[in-house]
N, C-alpha and C. Protein backbone atom coordinates (compact mmCIF):
# COMPACT_ATOMS: atom_id res chain seq x y z
N MET A 1 75.25 70.11 88.77
CA MET A 1 76.42 69.62 88.18
C MET A 1 77.21 70.52 87.12
N THR A 2 78.53 70.69 87.35
CA THR A 2 79.14 71.91 86.85
C THR A 2 79.10 71.75 85.43
N SER A 3 79.53 72.72 84.49
CA SER A 3 79.64 72.91 82.97
C SER A 3 80.90 71.78 82.64
N ILE A 4 81.72 71.61 83.61
CA ILE A 4 82.91 70.78 82.91
C ILE A 4 82.33 69.28 83.25
N GLN A 5 81.55 69.04 84.39
CA GLN A 5 81.18 67.62 84.36
C GLN A 5 80.23 67.20 83.31
N ILE A 6 79.53 68.17 82.48
CA ILE A 6 78.60 68.06 81.67
C ILE A 6 79.35 67.77 80.26
N ILE A 7 80.32 68.44 80.04
CA ILE A 7 81.31 68.24 78.86
C ILE A 7 82.05 67.01 79.03
N ALA A 8 82.71 66.61 80.39
CA ALA A 8 83.29 65.36 80.31
C ALA A 8 82.20 64.28 80.08
N SER A 9 81.02 64.34 80.50
CA SER A 9 79.88 63.37 80.24
C SER A 9 79.79 63.32 78.91
N ILE A 10 79.32 64.43 78.06
CA ILE A 10 79.10 64.39 76.84
C ILE A 10 80.37 63.58 76.17
N PHE A 11 81.48 63.67 76.43
CA PHE A 11 82.72 63.42 75.98
C PHE A 11 82.64 61.97 76.02
N GLY A 12 82.54 61.50 77.38
CA GLY A 12 82.27 60.08 77.47
C GLY A 12 81.38 59.46 76.78
N LEU A 13 80.10 59.91 76.82
CA LEU A 13 79.15 59.34 75.72
C LEU A 13 79.47 59.11 74.26
N ILE A 14 80.19 60.22 73.79
CA ILE A 14 80.70 59.97 72.53
C ILE A 14 81.72 58.95 72.31
N MET A 15 82.59 58.73 73.23
CA MET A 15 83.68 57.76 73.20
C MET A 15 82.82 56.46 73.46
N VAL A 16 82.08 56.23 74.10
CA VAL A 16 81.09 54.99 74.12
C VAL A 16 80.57 54.72 72.89
N TYR A 17 79.90 55.54 72.14
CA TYR A 17 79.25 55.45 70.71
C TYR A 17 80.38 55.21 69.71
N LEU A 18 81.75 55.86 69.82
CA LEU A 18 82.59 55.67 68.70
C LEU A 18 83.16 54.16 68.98
N SER A 19 83.25 53.80 70.40
CA SER A 19 83.78 52.26 70.67
C SER A 19 82.61 51.29 69.89
N PHE A 20 81.55 51.61 70.12
CA PHE A 20 80.70 50.81 69.56
C PHE A 20 80.72 50.57 68.03
N LEU A 21 80.71 51.57 67.56
CA LEU A 21 80.90 51.91 66.05
C LEU A 21 82.28 51.04 65.57
N HIS A 22 83.28 51.12 66.30
CA HIS A 22 84.44 50.35 65.89
C HIS A 22 84.47 48.81 65.88
N TYR A 23 83.53 48.67 67.08
CA TYR A 23 82.92 47.02 67.42
C TYR A 23 82.22 46.63 66.43
N LYS A 24 81.50 47.64 65.79
CA LYS A 24 80.54 47.02 64.83
C LYS A 24 81.14 46.81 63.37
N ARG A 25 82.14 47.62 63.09
CA ARG A 25 83.17 47.76 61.94
C ARG A 25 84.17 46.50 62.04
N HIS A 26 84.15 45.70 63.25
CA HIS A 26 84.93 44.59 63.33
C HIS A 26 86.51 45.07 63.52
N GLU A 27 86.60 46.30 64.11
CA GLU A 27 87.83 46.87 64.12
C GLU A 27 88.32 46.54 65.50
N PHE A 28 87.15 46.28 66.29
CA PHE A 28 87.66 45.72 67.89
C PHE A 28 87.02 44.11 68.08
N ASN A 29 87.59 43.26 68.78
CA ASN A 29 86.96 42.11 69.08
C ASN A 29 86.21 42.50 70.28
N ARG A 30 85.38 41.56 70.58
CA ARG A 30 84.40 41.50 71.87
C ARG A 30 84.98 41.82 73.27
N TYR A 31 86.37 41.35 73.18
CA TYR A 31 87.18 41.64 74.51
C TYR A 31 87.47 42.99 74.55
N GLN A 32 88.00 43.61 73.84
CA GLN A 32 88.30 44.92 73.37
C GLN A 32 87.25 46.06 73.57
N PHE A 33 86.10 45.56 72.94
CA PHE A 33 85.02 46.43 73.17
C PHE A 33 84.32 46.41 74.68
N VAL A 34 84.56 45.49 75.37
CA VAL A 34 84.07 45.60 76.49
C VAL A 34 84.92 46.36 77.45
N ILE A 35 86.33 45.94 77.45
CA ILE A 35 87.30 46.86 78.10
C ILE A 35 87.20 48.20 77.94
N TRP A 36 86.87 48.73 76.48
CA TRP A 36 86.76 50.40 76.35
C TRP A 36 85.36 50.59 76.91
N GLU A 37 84.23 49.72 76.82
CA GLU A 37 82.99 50.32 77.35
C GLU A 37 82.98 50.58 79.13
N ILE A 38 83.85 49.59 79.54
CA ILE A 38 83.95 49.74 80.85
C ILE A 38 84.67 50.81 81.13
N LEU A 39 85.76 51.02 80.55
CA LEU A 39 86.45 52.40 80.70
C LEU A 39 85.87 53.66 80.58
N TRP A 40 85.27 53.69 79.50
CA TRP A 40 84.41 55.08 79.15
C TRP A 40 83.09 55.04 80.18
N PHE A 41 82.45 54.14 80.44
CA PHE A 41 81.36 54.44 81.52
C PHE A 41 81.94 54.47 82.83
N GLY A 42 83.22 53.96 83.09
CA GLY A 42 83.93 54.64 84.57
C GLY A 42 84.19 55.88 84.48
N PHE A 43 84.49 56.55 83.48
CA PHE A 43 85.17 57.81 83.16
C PHE A 43 83.58 58.70 83.27
N ILE A 44 82.51 58.22 82.95
CA ILE A 44 81.46 59.10 82.87
C ILE A 44 80.79 58.95 84.55
N ILE A 45 81.25 58.10 85.17
CA ILE A 45 80.75 58.06 86.92
C ILE A 45 81.53 58.56 87.41
N VAL A 46 82.83 58.80 87.38
CA VAL A 46 83.90 59.24 87.69
C VAL A 46 83.53 60.88 87.75
N THR A 47 83.08 61.39 86.50
CA THR A 47 82.92 62.65 86.07
C THR A 47 81.70 63.29 86.95
N ILE A 48 80.78 62.42 86.82
CA ILE A 48 79.34 62.74 87.46
C ILE A 48 79.27 62.77 89.25
N LEU A 49 80.13 61.47 89.30
CA LEU A 49 80.07 61.55 91.16
C LEU A 49 81.54 61.43 91.66
N PRO A 50 82.27 62.69 91.37
CA PRO A 50 83.52 62.59 91.93
C PRO A 50 83.64 62.43 93.67
N ASP A 51 82.60 62.96 94.16
CA ASP A 51 82.35 63.09 95.73
C ASP A 51 82.63 61.54 96.51
N ARG A 52 82.04 60.70 95.60
CA ARG A 52 81.81 59.25 96.08
C ARG A 52 83.35 58.66 96.35
N PHE A 53 84.43 59.09 96.02
CA PHE A 53 85.84 58.77 95.83
C PHE A 53 86.67 59.48 97.15
N ASN A 54 85.66 60.28 97.95
CA ASN A 54 86.50 60.67 99.13
C ASN A 54 86.84 59.85 100.04
N VAL A 55 86.19 58.53 100.20
CA VAL A 55 86.75 57.40 100.99
C VAL A 55 88.02 57.05 100.73
N ILE A 56 88.03 56.74 99.24
CA ILE A 56 89.32 56.27 98.70
C ILE A 56 90.44 57.19 99.06
N THR A 57 90.30 58.44 98.72
CA THR A 57 91.16 59.27 98.75
C THR A 57 91.78 59.71 100.22
N GLU A 58 90.77 59.41 101.17
CA GLU A 58 91.28 59.64 102.64
C GLU A 58 92.34 58.48 103.03
N ARG A 59 91.85 57.21 102.48
CA ARG A 59 92.63 56.29 102.94
C ARG A 59 93.84 56.29 102.51
N LEU A 60 94.02 56.71 101.36
CA LEU A 60 95.34 56.74 100.59
C LEU A 60 96.20 58.03 100.94
N GLY A 61 95.67 59.01 101.23
CA GLY A 61 96.39 60.24 101.80
C GLY A 61 96.35 61.36 100.87
N ILE A 62 95.31 61.32 99.70
CA ILE A 62 95.44 62.09 98.56
C ILE A 62 94.46 63.27 99.05
N ALA A 63 94.94 64.45 98.72
CA ALA A 63 94.06 65.58 99.26
C ALA A 63 92.78 65.79 98.38
N ARG A 64 92.71 65.61 97.27
CA ARG A 64 91.43 65.81 96.39
C ARG A 64 91.31 64.43 95.38
N ALA A 65 89.98 64.25 95.26
CA ALA A 65 89.71 63.19 94.33
C ALA A 65 90.09 63.29 92.91
N PHE A 66 90.52 64.73 92.45
CA PHE A 66 90.95 65.05 91.31
C PHE A 66 92.45 64.46 91.00
N ASP A 67 93.07 64.42 92.21
CA ASP A 67 94.35 63.88 92.39
C ASP A 67 94.57 62.53 92.17
N LEU A 68 93.39 61.77 92.68
CA LEU A 68 93.68 60.44 92.36
C LEU A 68 93.18 60.08 91.04
N PHE A 69 92.18 60.69 90.47
CA PHE A 69 92.07 60.33 89.00
C PHE A 69 93.25 60.70 88.33
N ALA A 70 93.84 61.79 88.53
CA ALA A 70 95.10 62.18 87.65
C ALA A 70 96.22 61.05 87.81
N ILE A 71 96.36 60.77 88.99
CA ILE A 71 97.29 59.69 89.22
C ILE A 71 96.88 58.13 88.36
N GLY A 72 95.70 57.91 88.55
CA GLY A 72 95.15 56.59 87.82
C GLY A 72 95.09 56.86 86.52
N ALA A 73 95.05 58.07 85.66
CA ALA A 73 95.06 58.37 84.32
C ALA A 73 96.67 58.21 83.96
N PHE A 74 97.42 58.69 84.86
CA PHE A 74 99.05 58.56 84.46
C PHE A 74 99.32 57.19 84.32
N VAL A 75 98.90 56.51 85.27
CA VAL A 75 99.14 55.03 85.60
C VAL A 75 98.81 54.35 84.43
N MET A 76 97.52 54.64 83.74
CA MET A 76 96.85 53.98 82.60
C MET A 76 97.58 54.40 81.28
N VAL A 77 97.83 55.75 81.13
CA VAL A 77 98.74 56.25 80.10
C VAL A 77 100.11 55.33 79.84
N LEU A 78 100.65 55.21 81.22
CA LEU A 78 102.06 54.65 81.08
C LEU A 78 102.11 53.16 80.71
N SER A 79 100.78 52.43 81.23
CA SER A 79 100.65 51.00 81.07
C SER A 79 100.26 50.90 79.62
N LEU A 80 99.39 51.67 78.99
CA LEU A 80 99.04 51.57 77.48
C LEU A 80 100.34 51.77 76.74
N SER A 81 101.07 52.92 76.95
CA SER A 81 102.25 53.08 76.14
C SER A 81 103.39 51.84 76.35
N PHE A 82 103.45 51.27 77.41
CA PHE A 82 104.25 50.09 77.35
C PHE A 82 103.69 49.01 76.58
N HIS A 83 102.42 49.02 76.66
CA HIS A 83 101.77 47.66 76.00
C HIS A 83 101.96 47.95 74.26
N ASN A 84 101.78 49.35 73.83
CA ASN A 84 102.04 49.44 72.52
C ASN A 84 103.32 49.42 71.90
N TYR A 85 104.20 49.74 72.89
CA TYR A 85 105.82 49.57 72.61
C TYR A 85 106.19 48.03 72.36
N LEU A 86 105.35 47.37 73.29
CA LEU A 86 105.48 45.58 72.91
C LEU A 86 105.02 45.00 71.51
N LEU A 87 103.73 45.72 71.39
CA LEU A 87 103.00 45.35 70.25
C LEU A 87 104.03 45.77 68.95
N ILE A 88 104.48 47.08 69.14
CA ILE A 88 104.98 47.54 67.92
C ILE A 88 106.54 46.92 67.63
N THR A 89 107.17 46.42 68.66
CA THR A 89 108.40 45.78 68.94
C THR A 89 108.20 44.29 67.88
N ARG A 90 107.05 43.67 68.36
CA ARG A 90 106.79 42.39 67.98
C ARG A 90 106.59 42.56 66.31
N LEU A 91 105.74 43.51 66.16
CA LEU A 91 105.53 43.80 64.75
C LEU A 91 106.67 43.91 63.77
N GLU A 92 107.58 44.76 64.29
CA GLU A 92 108.77 45.15 63.58
C GLU A 92 109.52 43.70 63.51
N LYS A 93 109.60 42.84 64.49
CA LYS A 93 110.52 41.53 64.27
C LYS A 93 109.84 40.62 63.25
N ARG A 94 108.36 40.83 63.55
CA ARG A 94 107.78 39.62 62.16
C ARG A 94 108.08 40.13 60.88
N LEU A 95 107.83 41.50 60.85
CA LEU A 95 108.07 42.18 59.49
C LEU A 95 109.40 41.88 58.95
N GLU A 96 110.62 42.15 59.74
CA GLU A 96 111.58 41.92 59.47
C GLU A 96 112.08 40.62 58.96
N ASN A 97 111.37 39.53 59.95
CA ASN A 97 111.57 38.09 59.27
C ASN A 97 110.87 37.81 58.02
N LYS A 98 109.81 38.35 57.90
CA LYS A 98 108.97 38.16 56.41
C LYS A 98 109.85 38.52 55.49
N VAL A 99 110.37 39.71 55.59
CA VAL A 99 111.16 40.50 54.39
C VAL A 99 112.53 39.67 54.27
N ARG A 100 112.92 39.17 55.53
CA ARG A 100 114.51 38.49 55.17
C ARG A 100 114.15 37.18 54.39
N GLN A 101 112.77 36.48 54.76
CA GLN A 101 112.63 35.15 54.31
C GLN A 101 112.31 35.38 52.68
N LYS A 102 111.56 36.53 52.31
CA LYS A 102 111.24 36.81 51.06
C LYS A 102 112.61 37.23 50.28
N ALA A 103 113.56 37.94 50.82
CA ALA A 103 114.57 38.08 50.17
C ALA A 103 115.64 37.02 49.87
N LEU A 104 115.54 36.20 50.93
CA LEU A 104 116.69 35.13 50.78
C LEU A 104 115.99 33.95 49.59
N SER A 105 114.56 33.82 49.80
CA SER A 105 113.76 32.92 48.62
C SER A 105 113.99 33.58 47.15
N GLU A 106 114.19 34.87 47.02
CA GLU A 106 114.21 35.48 45.69
C GLU A 106 115.64 35.44 45.24
N LEU A 107 116.70 35.43 46.13
CA LEU A 107 118.12 35.20 45.88
C LEU A 107 118.20 33.71 45.39
N SER A 108 117.82 33.03 46.23
CA SER A 108 117.91 31.54 45.56
C SER A 108 117.44 31.26 44.43
N SER A 109 116.28 31.88 44.02
CA SER A 109 115.72 31.75 42.99
C SER A 109 116.41 32.32 41.61
N ILE A 110 117.15 33.37 42.03
CA ILE A 110 117.89 34.04 41.21
C ILE A 110 119.26 33.35 40.70
N LYS A 111 119.45 32.57 41.96
CA LYS A 111 121.09 31.71 41.86
C LYS A 111 120.71 30.58 40.88
N VAL A 112 119.71 29.95 41.03
CA VAL A 112 118.92 28.94 40.20
C VAL A 112 119.10 29.11 38.64
N LYS A 113 118.55 30.34 38.60
CA LYS A 113 118.33 30.73 37.13
C LYS A 113 119.62 30.82 36.41
N HIS A 114 120.74 31.63 37.13
CA HIS A 114 121.92 31.63 36.57
C HIS A 114 122.89 30.70 36.46
N LEU A 115 122.45 29.53 36.74
CA LEU A 115 123.10 28.36 36.81
C LEU A 115 123.05 27.46 35.80
């Protein structure tokens, strides 16, 4: 095992532990916890056994296993970015609606007092 594999495996184990801590603090629900654990354990397996993926890379016409992992990571980052964008957009709309409702209710209470 090379030094980069050891470092990557230690990083993966730390992230598994941090995911567990966030789950115990109720910052993740069970579904989110399981997804993160699968991703981190998958990362550890891929870093320890990269040669096992040569069959997949040959079928896809990719030169190295690292290229396959880089492509997968890129797709994952784009997917998560899109998901985060959607969540932020929904939050902005909800916040805007709440602020609008509160402003309108305060405006109507001010009009009632002045009449």
